[in-house]
């Protein structure tokens, strides 16, 4: 993997894991829109397909883009969906 691509995926990891931690703690996450716009094409470039169903896959299969309103609206849901996460997900104890 080229070094540039590795750094890009680390960047996306930071964005997505920031969301993971915020949601797990029940906290809002407000990342600057330029950060999210930079993360989106990288997330969309992650290989998708049957390999994402493997037990050791780094990402779940992508989800359809989500049209959301309210606090989940914007670019972040698109980044999350590209990597198999739903912006509406909450831990069981928070539901």
Protein backbone atom coordinates (compact mmCIF):
# COMPACT_ATOMS: atom_id res chain seq x y z
CA UNK A 1 0.00 0.00 0.00
CA UNK A 2 1.43 3.40 -0.89
CA UNK A 3 2.34 5.56 2.12
CA UNK A 4 -0.11 8.31 1.09
CA UNK A 5 -3.01 5.84 1.10
CA UNK A 6 -1.96 4.46 4.50
CA UNK A 7 -1.92 7.98 5.99
CA UNK A 8 -5.33 8.70 4.43
CA UNK A 9 -6.83 5.59 6.01
CA UNK A 10 -5.34 6.52 9.39
CA UNK A 11 -6.98 9.92 9.03
CA UNK A 12 -10.36 8.30 8.31
CA UNK A 13 -9.82 5.96 11.28
CA UNK A 14 -9.44 9.00 13.54
CA UNK A 15 -12.64 10.56 12.20
CA UNK A 16 -14.70 7.37 12.50
CA UNK A 17 -13.30 6.33 15.87
CA UNK A 18 -13.98 9.83 17.22
CA UNK A 19 -17.61 9.17 16.28
CA UNK A 20 -17.47 5.68 17.86
CA UNK A 21 -16.23 7.08 21.17
CA UNK A 22 -18.63 10.02 21.20
CA UNK A 23 -21.64 7.79 20.54
CA UNK A 24 -20.53 5.22 23.11
CA UNK A 25 -20.23 7.99 25.72
CA UNK A 26 -23.46 9.70 24.66
CA UNK A 27 -21.61 12.88 23.67
CA UNK A 28 -22.12 15.07 20.62
CA UNK A 29 -19.42 15.09 17.96
CA UNK A 30 -18.86 18.26 15.96
CA UNK A 31 -16.05 17.80 13.47
CA UNK A 32 -15.36 20.69 11.07
CA UNK A 33 -17.03 20.22 7.70
CA UNK A 34 -13.69 20.55 5.83
CA UNK A 35 -12.39 17.56 7.82
CA UNK A 36 -15.46 15.51 6.90
CA UNK A 37 -15.29 16.55 3.24
CA UNK A 38 -11.64 15.42 3.20
CA UNK A 39 -12.56 12.09 4.82
CA UNK A 40 -15.45 11.24 2.48
CA UNK A 41 -13.52 10.39 -0.73
CA UNK A 42 -11.08 8.31 1.30
CA UNK A 43 -13.90 6.37 2.94
CA UNK A 44 -15.54 5.86 -0.45
CA UNK A 45 -12.23 4.51 -1.81
CA UNK A 46 -12.11 1.68 0.76
CA UNK A 47 -12.54 -1.60 -1.12
CA UNK A 48 -16.09 -2.93 -0.74
CA UNK A 49 -17.49 -6.33 -1.53
CA UNK A 50 -17.69 -9.87 -0.16
CA UNK A 51 -14.38 -9.55 1.70
CA UNK A 52 -16.03 -7.17 4.13
CA UNK A 53 -18.16 -10.05 5.41
CA UNK A 54 -15.08 -11.96 6.57
CA UNK A 55 -14.62 -12.21 10.36
CA UNK A 56 -11.31 -10.32 10.24
CA UNK A 57 -12.44 -7.56 7.87
CA UNK A 58 -11.47 -4.00 8.82
CA UNK A 59 -14.90 -2.67 7.76
CA UNK A 60 -18.43 -3.97 7.50
CA UNK A 61 -20.10 -3.89 4.09
CA UNK A 62 -21.05 -0.37 3.09
CA UNK A 63 -24.59 0.83 3.74
CA UNK A 64 -26.74 2.83 1.34
CA UNK A 65 -26.19 6.58 1.76
CA UNK A 66 -28.49 7.81 4.47
CA UNK A 67 -30.65 10.88 4.04
CA UNK A 68 -30.86 12.12 7.57
CA UNK A 69 -32.14 15.20 9.26
CA UNK A 70 -31.32 16.75 12.59
CA UNK A 71 -28.00 16.26 14.33
CA UNK A 72 -27.06 13.30 12.10
CA UNK A 73 -27.40 15.31 8.86
CA UNK A 74 -24.42 16.24 6.72
CA UNK A 75 -21.26 14.58 5.48
CA UNK A 76 -20.51 12.40 8.51
CA UNK A 77 -23.36 9.93 7.83
CA UNK A 78 -21.95 9.41 4.33
CA UNK A 79 -18.47 8.66 5.71
CA UNK A 80 -19.96 6.25 8.25
CA UNK A 81 -22.18 4.49 5.69
CA UNK A 82 -19.24 3.98 3.32
CA UNK A 83 -17.53 2.04 6.11
CA UNK A 84 -20.58 0.05 7.22
CA UNK A 85 -21.75 2.18 10.14
CA UNK A 86 -25.14 3.81 10.62
CA UNK A 87 -25.26 7.36 11.98
CA UNK A 88 -28.38 6.28 13.88
CA UNK A 89 -26.61 3.53 15.83
CA UNK A 90 -26.58 3.89 19.61
CA UNK A 91 -25.33 1.47 22.25
CA UNK A 92 -28.09 -0.79 23.63
CA UNK A 93 -28.07 0.91 27.03
CA UNK A 94 -28.71 4.30 25.39
CA UNK A 95 -31.79 3.20 23.43
